[in-house]
Amino acid sequence: MPEVNSAVQDWLADHARRGCSPVAMVDAMVQVGFEQAFADEAVHQALQAAAGYYTQAHYPHGFEALNDEYRYDPVPVAAGNVIRAHDRDIEVLVRCDRPQVIVFGNVLSADECAALIERAQPKLKRSTTVNPESGAEDIFPSRTSEGAFFQRGEDPFILNLEQRIAALMNWPVENGEGFQVLNYRVGAEYTPHFDYFPPQQAGSAVHTERGGNRVATMVLYLNDVPNGGATYFPEAGISVAARQGRAVYFRYMNGYRQLDPLSLHGGAPVLVGEKWIMTKWVRERAAG
């Protein structure tokens, strides 16, 4: 493995301070011979140091000022109107900069959507939410769906979809949690919430111990919903209707490990029919 000399340290510090994509930094280190785990940690430390740099040099009121004003650094997702993601060409339908939301088309085929629903149906259970105090997975009235989990890479079909989504999000497969398929019937909803684990809540430590916090989410729509069921961002005035094969991506942790308050989102009540979605959450580091 190459040596971490002063030139490498300077490169890390410079790229972190300029807001470069953490994924691109890790990839560059791996390409020249550094091990993945080592590169992940080196970039993580450089970004933490950069946060301190910005606090001292540009935010005279301290780190709290940096936390209060979320800095929108470059989104890791590739530019362009069509993105080649592993085995499929994905259409970019909408891009929003603040919050960082991207709507994709043609992410899943109709056959893939049907297969995921069929596989999930026997495993459906009432969806849970993280208890902010204990970190336990509890049932709350704010979330009225049923869900089923798939282990990461549990079979070739799931693994192929994970590789496609990882390529589209430009984030390592190993940093992703397993897919969760959710079913919302008429009246079911998920009131506005954040997908990340709030650092100030005691229960978050249970979930961030391995893999760190969540950094981004992708919601994939497995069927058309005749009325209702949109994914909405109330603080940003954005609403995305559920259409089979499409997906909405949103990022809420930047390279300085700040968390975006505009990523508050919910699933609107289903008014007609039912809604099937699949979610992919990704972490700072390998999720285990």
Protein backbone atom coordinates (compact mmCIF):
# COMPACT_ATOMS: atom_id res chain seq x y z
CA MET A 1 0.00 0.00 0.00
CA PRO A 2 1.32 3.51 -0.81
CA GLU A 3 2.76 5.68 1.95
CA VAL A 4 0.71 8.48 3.51
CA ASN A 5 3.33 11.18 3.10
CA SER A 6 2.98 14.95 3.31
CA ALA A 7 1.88 15.18 -0.33
CA VAL A 8 -1.03 12.81 0.28
CA GLN A 9 -1.99 14.69 3.44
CA ASP A 10 -1.92 17.99 1.58
CA TRP A 11 -4.03 16.49 -1.22
CA LEU A 12 -6.63 15.24 1.26
CA ALA A 13 -6.80 18.56 3.09
CA ASP A 14 -7.05 20.59 -0.13
CA HIS A 15 -9.82 18.45 -1.65
CA ALA A 16 -11.79 18.37 1.61
CA ARG A 17 -11.63 22.15 2.00
CA ARG A 18 -12.77 22.67 -1.61
CA GLY A 19 -15.88 20.56 -0.99
CA CYS A 20 -14.93 17.72 -3.32
CA SER A 21 -17.08 14.58 -3.29
CA PRO A 22 -15.97 12.18 -0.53
CA VAL A 23 -16.75 9.24 -2.83
CA ALA A 24 -14.51 10.65 -5.57
CA MET A 25 -11.71 11.18 -3.06
CA VAL A 26 -11.95 7.59 -1.81
CA ASP A 27 -12.07 6.25 -5.37
CA ALA A 28 -8.96 8.22 -6.29
CA MET A 29 -7.06 6.76 -3.34
CA VAL A 30 -8.17 3.21 -4.13
CA GLN A 31 -7.10 3.61 -7.76
CA VAL A 32 -3.52 4.39 -6.71
CA GLY A 33 -3.32 1.41 -4.37
CA PHE A 34 -4.78 2.36 -0.98
CA GLU A 35 -7.09 -0.17 0.67
CA GLN A 36 -10.79 0.77 0.69
CA ALA A 37 -11.17 0.80 4.48
CA PHE A 38 -8.02 2.89 4.91
CA ALA A 39 -9.15 5.38 2.24
CA ASP A 40 -12.59 5.68 3.86
CA GLU A 41 -11.06 6.55 7.22
CA ALA A 42 -8.48 8.95 5.75
CA VAL A 43 -11.13 10.89 3.85
CA HIS A 44 -13.43 10.89 6.88
CA GLN A 45 -10.67 12.42 9.03
CA ALA A 46 -9.83 14.98 6.35
CA LEU A 47 -13.46 16.09 6.15
CA GLN A 48 -13.65 16.43 9.93
CA ALA A 49 -10.49 18.55 9.88
CA ALA A 50 -11.92 20.64 7.02
CA ALA A 51 -15.04 21.34 9.08
CA GLY A 52 -12.76 22.76 11.76
CA TYR A 53 -10.89 24.78 9.14
CA TYR A 54 -14.08 26.38 7.87
CA THR A 55 -15.20 27.10 11.42
CA GLN A 56 -11.99 28.93 12.27
CA ALA A 57 -11.35 30.67 8.98
CA HIS A 58 -14.84 31.58 7.79
CA TYR A 59 -17.18 31.28 10.78
CA PRO A 60 -15.83 33.47 13.60
CA HIS A 61 -18.82 32.59 15.81
CA GLY A 62 -17.67 28.97 15.97
CA PHE A 63 -18.80 25.52 14.97
CA GLU A 64 -22.43 26.16 15.95
CA ALA A 65 -22.66 28.72 13.16
CA LEU A 66 -21.44 26.12 10.67
CA ASN A 67 -24.08 23.70 11.95
CA ASP A 68 -26.83 26.29 11.66
CA GLU A 69 -26.13 27.07 8.01
CA TYR A 70 -26.06 23.91 5.91
CA ARG A 71 -23.41 24.06 3.20
CA TYR A 72 -24.49 22.55 -0.13
CA ASP A 73 -21.39 20.87 -1.52
CA PRO A 74 -21.42 18.94 -4.84
CA VAL A 75 -23.85 16.04 -4.97
CA PRO A 76 -22.11 12.70 -5.70
CA VAL A 77 -24.59 11.71 -8.44
CA ALA A 78 -23.21 12.02 -11.98
CA ALA A 79 -24.16 14.92 -14.22
CA GLY A 80 -26.14 14.53 -17.45
CA ASN A 81 -29.66 13.69 -18.52
CA VAL A 82 -28.99 9.95 -18.78
CA ILE A 83 -26.78 8.03 -16.35
CA ARG A 84 -25.41 4.57 -17.06
CA ALA A 85 -25.89 2.75 -13.75
CA HIS A 86 -24.30 -0.73 -13.76
CA ASP A 87 -26.62 -2.49 -16.24
CA ARG A 88 -29.22 0.14 -17.11
CA ASP A 89 -29.58 3.63 -18.58
CA ILE A 90 -31.41 5.86 -16.09
CA GLU A 91 -33.23 9.04 -17.08
CA VAL A 92 -32.84 12.18 -14.99
CA LEU A 93 -36.26 13.84 -14.84
CA VAL A 94 -35.78 16.57 -12.19
CA ARG A 95 -32.83 18.01 -10.27
CA CYS A 96 -33.22 20.28 -7.25
CA ASP A 97 -30.20 21.89 -5.59
CA ARG A 98 -31.68 22.93 -2.22
CA PRO A 99 -32.46 20.40 -0.87
CA GLN A 100 -30.51 18.00 -3.05
CA VAL A 101 -33.33 16.00 -4.65
CA ILE A 102 -33.17 14.13 -7.96
CA VAL A 103 -36.07 12.30 -9.63
CA PHE A 104 -35.12 9.42 -11.91
CA GLY A 105 -37.08 7.50 -14.53
CA ASN A 106 -36.66 3.94 -15.76
CA VAL A 107 -34.76 2.79 -12.66
CA LEU A 108 -36.67 -0.50 -12.41
CA SER A 109 -38.49 -2.50 -15.08
CA ALA A 110 -42.13 -3.55 -14.66
CA ASP A 111 -41.00 -7.16 -14.22
CA GLU A 112 -38.53 -6.17 -11.50
CA CYS A 113 -41.21 -4.21 -9.67
CA ALA A 114 -43.62 -7.15 -9.83
CA ALA A 115 -40.93 -9.55 -8.57
CA LEU A 116 -40.11 -7.33 -5.60
CA ILE A 117 -43.77 -7.07 -4.59
CA GLU A 118 -44.23 -10.84 -4.93
CA ARG A 119 -41.14 -11.54 -2.83
CA ALA A 120 -42.14 -9.04 -0.13
CA GLN A 121 -45.78 -10.05 0.36
CA PRO A 122 -45.16 -13.15 2.53
CA LYS A 123 -42.80 -11.19 4.81
CA LEU A 124 -44.86 -8.05 5.46
CA LYS A 125 -44.99 -6.77 9.04
CA ARG A 126 -46.14 -3.47 10.56
CA SER A 127 -43.42 -0.87 9.94
CA THR A 128 -41.42 0.42 12.89
CA THR A 129 -39.68 3.70 13.67
CA VAL A 130 -36.54 4.34 15.73
CA ASN A 131 -37.38 5.33 19.30
CA PRO A 132 -35.43 8.59 19.87
CA GLU A 133 -34.67 7.75 23.50
CA SER A 134 -33.74 4.06 23.41
CA GLY A 135 -32.90 3.44 19.76
CA ALA A 136 -35.32 0.49 19.71
CA GLU A 137 -37.50 -0.22 16.68
CA ASP A 138 -41.01 0.62 17.93
CA ILE A 139 -44.42 0.94 16.30
CA PHE A 140 -45.62 4.55 16.11
CA PRO A 141 -48.97 5.90 14.80
CA SER A 142 -47.10 8.31 12.50
CA ARG A 143 -46.10 5.38 10.26
CA THR A 144 -48.96 3.16 9.12
CA SER A 145 -47.36 1.00 6.44
CA GLU A 146 -46.25 -2.63 6.37
CA GLY A 147 -42.73 -3.58 5.37
CA ALA A 148 -40.35 -6.39 4.51
CA PHE A 149 -36.55 -6.38 4.58
CA PHE A 150 -34.07 -8.03 2.22
CA GLN A 151 -30.55 -8.85 3.32
CA ARG A 152 -27.87 -7.10 1.32
CA GLY A 153 -26.74 -9.39 -1.51
CA GLU A 154 -29.04 -12.20 -0.40
CA ASP A 155 -29.37 -13.54 -3.96
CA PRO A 156 -28.26 -12.58 -7.51
CA PHE A 157 -31.49 -10.65 -8.24
CA ILE A 158 -31.15 -8.44 -5.15
CA LEU A 159 -27.39 -8.05 -5.62
CA ASN A 160 -27.85 -6.82 -9.20
CA LEU A 161 -30.36 -4.19 -8.07
CA GLU A 162 -28.01 -3.10 -5.27
CA GLN A 163 -25.17 -2.67 -7.75
CA ARG A 164 -27.41 -0.61 -10.02
CA ILE A 165 -28.59 1.66 -7.19
CA ALA A 166 -25.07 2.02 -5.80
CA ALA A 167 -23.80 3.08 -9.23
CA LEU A 168 -26.67 5.56 -9.61
CA MET A 169 -26.14 7.07 -6.15
CA ASN A 170 -22.35 6.89 -6.69
CA TRP A 171 -21.92 5.40 -3.22
CA PRO A 172 -20.33 2.04 -2.33
CA VAL A 173 -22.56 -1.05 -2.19
CA GLU A 174 -21.10 -1.95 1.20
CA ASN A 175 -22.24 1.41 2.63
CA GLY A 176 -25.88 0.58 1.94
CA GLU A 177 -28.46 -0.91 4.23
CA GLY A 178 -30.57 -3.78 2.94
CA PHE A 179 -33.58 -2.93 0.78
CA GLN A 180 -36.92 -2.42 2.52
CA VAL A 181 -40.15 -2.90 0.57
CA LEU A 182 -43.16 -1.04 2.00
CA ASN A 183 -46.89 -1.34 1.31
CA TYR A 184 -49.30 1.52 2.03
CA ARG A 185 -53.03 0.83 1.73
CA VAL A 186 -55.80 3.45 1.56
CA GLY A 187 -55.31 5.95 4.38
CA ALA A 188 -51.78 4.78 5.21
CA GLU A 189 -49.10 7.46 5.42
CA TYR A 190 -45.76 8.42 6.95
CA THR A 191 -45.84 11.87 8.53
CA PRO A 192 -42.87 14.25 7.96
CA HIS A 193 -39.60 12.97 9.41
CA PHE A 194 -35.84 12.82 8.82
CA ASP A 195 -34.12 9.65 7.63
CA TYR A 196 -30.85 10.44 9.40
CA PHE A 197 -30.33 9.65 13.08
CA PRO A 198 -30.36 12.98 14.98
CA PRO A 199 -27.05 13.23 16.90
CA GLN A 200 -28.73 14.96 19.83
CA GLN A 201 -31.04 11.99 20.50
CA ALA A 202 -29.71 9.33 22.85
CA GLY A 203 -31.15 6.46 20.82
CA SER A 204 -29.21 7.41 17.68
CA ALA A 205 -25.94 6.03 19.04
CA VAL A 206 -27.28 2.49 18.78
CA HIS A 207 -27.69 2.89 15.02
CA THR A 208 -24.60 4.93 14.17
CA GLU A 209 -22.11 2.70 15.99
CA ARG A 210 -21.49 0.70 12.81
CA GLY A 211 -21.45 2.55 9.51
CA GLY A 212 -22.01 6.01 10.92
CA ASN A 213 -25.05 8.09 10.11
CA ARG A 214 -27.24 7.88 7.02
CA VAL A 215 -26.22 10.29 4.28
CA ALA A 216 -28.84 9.80 1.54
CA THR A 217 -31.99 7.91 0.62
CA MET A 218 -33.51 6.55 -2.56
CA VAL A 219 -37.23 5.76 -2.71
CA LEU A 220 -38.18 3.53 -5.65
CA TYR A 221 -41.81 3.27 -6.76
CA LEU A 222 -43.02 -0.23 -7.57
CA ASN A 223 -46.52 0.69 -8.82
CA ASP A 224 -48.63 3.60 -10.00
CA VAL A 225 -50.80 5.19 -7.30
CA PRO A 226 -54.08 6.56 -8.75
CA ASN A 227 -54.44 9.25 -6.08
CA GLY A 228 -52.28 10.29 -3.12
CA GLY A 229 -49.14 8.64 -1.84
CA ALA A 230 -46.66 11.26 -3.02
CA THR A 231 -43.25 11.75 -1.39
CA TYR A 232 -43.22 15.36 -0.23
CA PHE A 233 -40.75 17.81 1.30
CA PRO A 234 -42.84 20.34 3.25
CA GLU A 235 -40.02 22.78 3.97
CA ALA A 236 -39.03 22.92 0.30
CA GLY A 237 -42.44 22.75 -1.40
CA ILE A 238 -41.52 19.63 -3.42
CA SER A 239 -43.86 16.71 -4.13
CA VAL A 240 -43.04 13.61 -6.19
CA ALA A 241 -45.92 11.44 -7.45
CA ALA A 242 -45.55 7.66 -7.31
CA ARG A 243 -45.03 6.17 -10.80
CA GLN A 244 -43.84 2.62 -11.40
CA GLY A 245 -40.13 2.32 -12.10
CA ARG A 246 -39.28 5.87 -11.03
CA ALA A 247 -37.25 6.87 -7.99
CA VAL A 248 -36.53 9.95 -5.89
CA TYR A 249 -33.07 10.44 -4.42
CA PHE A 250 -32.33 12.91 -1.65
CA ARG A 251 -29.09 13.67 0.18
CA TYR A 252 -28.99 15.13 3.67
CA MET A 253 -25.40 14.84 4.93
CA ASN A 254 -22.68 16.88 3.25
CA GLY A 255 -18.92 16.40 3.28
CA TYR A 256 -18.68 18.38 6.51
CA ARG A 257 -21.11 15.96 8.22
CA GLN A 258 -23.78 18.62 8.54
CA LEU A 259 -27.42 17.49 8.29
CA ASP A 260 -29.85 19.29 5.99
CA PRO A 261 -33.08 20.49 7.68
CA LEU A 262 -34.73 20.85 4.27
CA SER A 263 -34.62 17.05 3.87
CA LEU A 264 -37.70 16.77 6.12
CA HIS A 265 -40.06 14.57 4.10
CA GLY A 266 -43.14 12.39 4.35
CA GLY A 267 -45.33 9.94 2.50
CA ALA A 268 -48.75 11.45 1.81
CA PRO A 269 -51.85 9.35 2.61
CA VAL A 270 -52.92 6.95 -0.13
CA LEU A 271 -56.38 8.07 -1.30
CA VAL A 272 -57.11 5.50 -4.01
CA GLY A 273 -55.52 2.08 -4.56
CA GLU A 274 -52.32 1.16 -2.72
CA LYS A 275 -48.65 2.13 -2.84
CA TRP A 276 -45.63 -0.15 -3.04
CA ILE A 277 -42.18 1.37 -2.65
CA MET A 278 -38.66 0.17 -1.96
CA THR A 279 -36.20 2.22 0.05
CA LYS A 280 -32.42 2.23 0.07
CA TRP A 281 -30.59 4.06 2.85
CA VAL A 282 -26.84 4.60 2.63
CA ARG A 283 -24.33 5.30 5.41
CA GLU A 284 -21.08 7.21 5.81
CA ARG A 285 -19.05 4.01 5.97
CA ALA A 286 -19.52 0.29 5.40
CA ALA A 287 -22.80 -0.63 7.08
CA GLY A 288 -21.74 -4.17 8.02
